[in-house]
């Protein structure tokens, strides 16, 4: 699952991939925002991405990236 987090007053967004579902990521962000707690997500390499809820500008939670392998014949 590809995730992009925009942080207020930071020029570049944070991009990472996680093994969690889109629903799990969205729920974690929503719960943290509702409680005013830091958003704590784990990427596919086991690293924690922690963002203060008040600093989050936006979150884009995408679908799984599926790469085509090989060559197609027309």
N, C-alpha and C. Protein backbone atom coordinates (compact mmCIF):
# COMPACT_ATOMS: atom_id res chain seq x y z
N UNK A 1 0.83 -1.15 0.00
CA UNK A 1 0.00 0.00 0.00
C UNK A 1 0.89 1.23 0.00
N UNK A 2 0.70 2.11 -0.95
CA UNK A 2 1.47 3.35 -1.02
C UNK A 2 0.77 4.42 -0.18
N UNK A 3 1.56 5.16 0.60
CA UNK A 3 1.02 6.22 1.45
C UNK A 3 1.86 7.47 1.24
N UNK A 4 1.18 8.61 1.16
CA UNK A 4 1.86 9.90 1.07
C UNK A 4 1.25 10.80 2.14
N UNK A 5 2.12 11.36 2.98
CA UNK A 5 1.68 12.27 4.03
C UNK A 5 2.27 13.66 3.77
N UNK A 6 1.42 14.65 3.72
CA UNK A 6 1.86 16.03 3.59
C UNK A 6 1.92 16.65 4.98
N UNK A 7 3.07 17.19 5.32
CA UNK A 7 3.29 17.77 6.63
C UNK A 7 3.30 19.29 6.49
N UNK A 8 2.58 19.98 7.35
CA UNK A 8 2.53 21.44 7.30
C UNK A 8 3.93 22.02 7.48
N UNK A 9 4.24 23.04 6.69
CA UNK A 9 5.51 23.77 6.74
C UNK A 9 6.71 22.90 6.36
N UNK A 10 6.48 21.82 5.64
CA UNK A 10 7.55 20.96 5.13
C UNK A 10 7.36 20.87 3.62
N UNK A 11 8.41 21.16 2.87
CA UNK A 11 8.30 21.25 1.42
C UNK A 11 7.96 19.92 0.74
N UNK A 12 8.53 18.83 1.22
CA UNK A 12 8.35 17.55 0.55
C UNK A 12 7.43 16.64 1.36
N UNK A 13 6.55 15.92 0.67
CA UNK A 13 5.72 14.96 1.40
C UNK A 13 6.53 13.73 1.79
N UNK A 14 6.01 12.97 2.72
CA UNK A 14 6.62 11.72 3.16
C UNK A 14 5.95 10.59 2.39
N UNK A 15 6.74 9.83 1.63
CA UNK A 15 6.24 8.69 0.86
C UNK A 15 6.76 7.40 1.48
N UNK A 16 5.91 6.42 1.62
CA UNK A 16 6.36 5.11 2.06
C UNK A 16 5.34 4.05 1.66
N UNK A 17 5.75 2.81 1.77
CA UNK A 17 4.90 1.67 1.45
C UNK A 17 4.70 0.86 2.73
N UNK A 18 3.48 0.40 2.94
CA UNK A 18 3.17 -0.38 4.12
C UNK A 18 2.44 -1.66 3.73
N UNK A 19 2.52 -2.66 4.60
CA UNK A 19 1.81 -3.91 4.37
C UNK A 19 0.37 -3.84 4.89
N UNK A 20 0.03 -2.76 5.61
CA UNK A 20 -1.32 -2.59 6.14
C UNK A 20 -2.30 -2.26 5.01
N UNK A 21 -3.58 -2.53 5.24
CA UNK A 21 -4.60 -2.21 4.25
C UNK A 21 -4.90 -0.71 4.28
N UNK A 22 -5.55 -0.23 3.23
CA UNK A 22 -5.94 1.18 3.16
C UNK A 22 -6.87 1.52 4.31
N UNK A 23 -7.76 0.61 4.64
CA UNK A 23 -8.69 0.84 5.73
C UNK A 23 -7.97 0.96 7.07
N UNK A 24 -6.97 0.11 7.31
CA UNK A 24 -6.22 0.15 8.56
C UNK A 24 -5.44 1.45 8.69
N UNK A 25 -4.83 1.90 7.59
CA UNK A 25 -4.07 3.16 7.61
C UNK A 25 -5.00 4.33 7.85
N UNK A 26 -6.13 4.37 7.14
CA UNK A 26 -7.10 5.45 7.31
C UNK A 26 -7.66 5.48 8.73
N UNK A 27 -7.95 4.32 9.29
CA UNK A 27 -8.46 4.25 10.66
C UNK A 27 -7.43 4.76 11.66
N UNK A 28 -6.17 4.37 11.48
CA UNK A 28 -5.10 4.81 12.39
C UNK A 28 -4.95 6.33 12.35
N UNK A 29 -5.00 6.89 11.15
CA UNK A 29 -4.88 8.35 11.01
C UNK A 29 -6.09 9.04 11.64
N UNK A 30 -7.29 8.53 11.34
CA UNK A 30 -8.50 9.13 11.88
C UNK A 30 -8.58 9.09 13.40
N UNK A 31 -8.20 7.96 13.98
CA UNK A 31 -8.22 7.84 15.44
C UNK A 31 -7.22 8.78 16.10
N UNK A 32 -6.02 8.86 15.53
CA UNK A 32 -4.99 9.75 16.09
C UNK A 32 -5.42 11.21 15.97
N UNK A 33 -6.00 11.56 14.82
CA UNK A 33 -6.46 12.94 14.62
C UNK A 33 -7.58 13.28 15.61
N UNK A 34 -8.50 12.34 15.82
CA UNK A 34 -9.62 12.57 16.74
C UNK A 34 -9.18 12.76 18.18
N UNK A 35 -8.13 12.08 18.58
CA UNK A 35 -7.62 12.16 19.95
C UNK A 35 -6.53 13.20 20.12
N UNK A 36 -6.05 13.76 19.00
CA UNK A 36 -4.95 14.73 19.07
C UNK A 36 -3.62 14.08 19.41
N UNK A 37 -3.50 12.79 19.16
CA UNK A 37 -2.27 12.05 19.45
C UNK A 37 -1.41 11.95 18.18
N UNK A 38 -0.13 11.65 18.33
CA UNK A 38 0.71 11.46 17.15
C UNK A 38 0.22 10.28 16.29
N UNK A 39 0.35 10.43 14.99
CA UNK A 39 0.02 9.37 14.05
C UNK A 39 1.23 8.46 13.97
N UNK A 40 1.04 7.17 14.23
CA UNK A 40 2.14 6.22 14.24
C UNK A 40 1.83 5.12 13.24
N UNK A 41 2.56 5.10 12.13
CA UNK A 41 2.39 4.09 11.10
C UNK A 41 3.69 3.32 10.92
N UNK A 42 3.62 2.10 10.44
CA UNK A 42 4.81 1.27 10.25
C UNK A 42 4.92 0.93 8.77
N UNK A 43 6.10 1.19 8.19
CA UNK A 43 6.30 0.89 6.77
C UNK A 43 6.64 -0.58 6.58
N UNK A 44 6.80 -0.98 5.32
CA UNK A 44 7.04 -2.40 5.02
C UNK A 44 8.43 -2.88 5.42
N UNK A 45 9.29 -1.97 5.89
CA UNK A 45 10.61 -2.35 6.38
C UNK A 45 10.67 -2.36 7.90
N UNK A 46 9.52 -2.12 8.54
CA UNK A 46 9.45 -2.14 9.99
C UNK A 46 9.77 -0.81 10.66
N UNK A 47 9.97 0.25 9.88
CA UNK A 47 10.27 1.56 10.45
C UNK A 47 8.97 2.26 10.86
N UNK A 48 9.03 3.01 11.96
CA UNK A 48 7.87 3.77 12.43
C UNK A 48 7.91 5.17 11.82
N UNK A 49 6.79 5.60 11.28
CA UNK A 49 6.63 6.96 10.79
C UNK A 49 5.68 7.63 11.77
N UNK A 50 6.19 8.60 12.51
CA UNK A 50 5.41 9.26 13.55
C UNK A 50 5.28 10.74 13.18
N UNK A 51 4.02 11.18 13.10
CA UNK A 51 3.73 12.56 12.71
C UNK A 51 2.76 13.15 13.74
N UNK A 52 3.05 14.34 14.26
CA UNK A 52 2.08 14.97 15.16
C UNK A 52 0.76 15.21 14.41
N UNK A 53 -0.35 14.85 15.03
CA UNK A 53 -1.65 14.96 14.36
C UNK A 53 -1.93 16.38 13.90
N UNK A 54 -1.53 17.37 14.67
CA UNK A 54 -1.78 18.76 14.32
C UNK A 54 -0.94 19.26 13.15
N UNK A 55 0.12 18.53 12.79
CA UNK A 55 1.01 18.94 11.71
C UNK A 55 0.64 18.30 10.37
N UNK A 56 -0.30 17.37 10.37
CA UNK A 56 -0.68 16.69 9.14
C UNK A 56 -1.48 17.63 8.25
N UNK A 57 -1.01 17.81 7.02
CA UNK A 57 -1.72 18.63 6.06
C UNK A 57 -2.69 17.80 5.24
N UNK A 58 -2.24 16.64 4.79
CA UNK A 58 -3.09 15.72 4.03
C UNK A 58 -2.49 14.32 4.07
N UNK A 59 -3.31 13.35 3.75
CA UNK A 59 -2.86 11.96 3.64
C UNK A 59 -3.48 11.35 2.40
N UNK A 60 -2.64 10.76 1.56
CA UNK A 60 -3.12 10.04 0.38
C UNK A 60 -2.78 8.57 0.58
N UNK A 61 -3.82 7.76 0.67
CA UNK A 61 -3.65 6.33 0.87
C UNK A 61 -4.06 5.67 -0.43
N UNK A 62 -3.09 5.07 -1.11
CA UNK A 62 -3.35 4.48 -2.42
C UNK A 62 -3.59 3.00 -2.33
N UNK A 63 -3.83 2.44 -3.48
CA UNK A 63 -4.01 1.00 -3.56
C UNK A 63 -2.66 0.33 -3.74
N UNK A 64 -2.66 -0.98 -3.68
CA UNK A 64 -1.42 -1.71 -3.88
C UNK A 64 -0.89 -1.44 -5.27
N UNK A 65 0.41 -1.24 -5.36
CA UNK A 65 1.04 -1.02 -6.64
C UNK A 65 1.36 -2.38 -7.25
N UNK A 66 0.81 -2.65 -8.41
CA UNK A 66 1.08 -3.90 -9.09
C UNK A 66 1.83 -3.59 -10.36
N UNK A 67 3.03 -4.08 -10.44
CA UNK A 67 3.88 -3.82 -11.59
C UNK A 67 3.76 -4.97 -12.60
N UNK A 68 3.61 -4.59 -13.84
CA UNK A 68 3.57 -5.60 -14.90
C UNK A 68 4.99 -6.13 -15.13
N UNK A 69 5.09 -7.39 -15.36
CA UNK A 69 6.39 -8.01 -15.59
C UNK A 69 6.36 -8.63 -16.98
N UNK A 70 7.42 -8.41 -17.72
CA UNK A 70 7.52 -9.02 -19.06
C UNK A 70 7.04 -8.08 -20.15
N UNK A 71 6.95 -8.62 -21.32
CA UNK A 71 6.55 -7.84 -22.48
C UNK A 71 5.24 -8.39 -23.02
N UNK A 72 4.37 -7.50 -23.42
CA UNK A 72 3.10 -7.92 -23.99
C UNK A 72 3.16 -7.93 -25.50
N UNK A 73 2.48 -8.87 -26.10
CA UNK A 73 2.44 -8.95 -27.56
C UNK A 73 1.10 -8.40 -28.03
N UNK A 74 1.16 -7.61 -29.07
CA UNK A 74 -0.07 -7.06 -29.63
C UNK A 74 -0.48 -7.79 -30.85
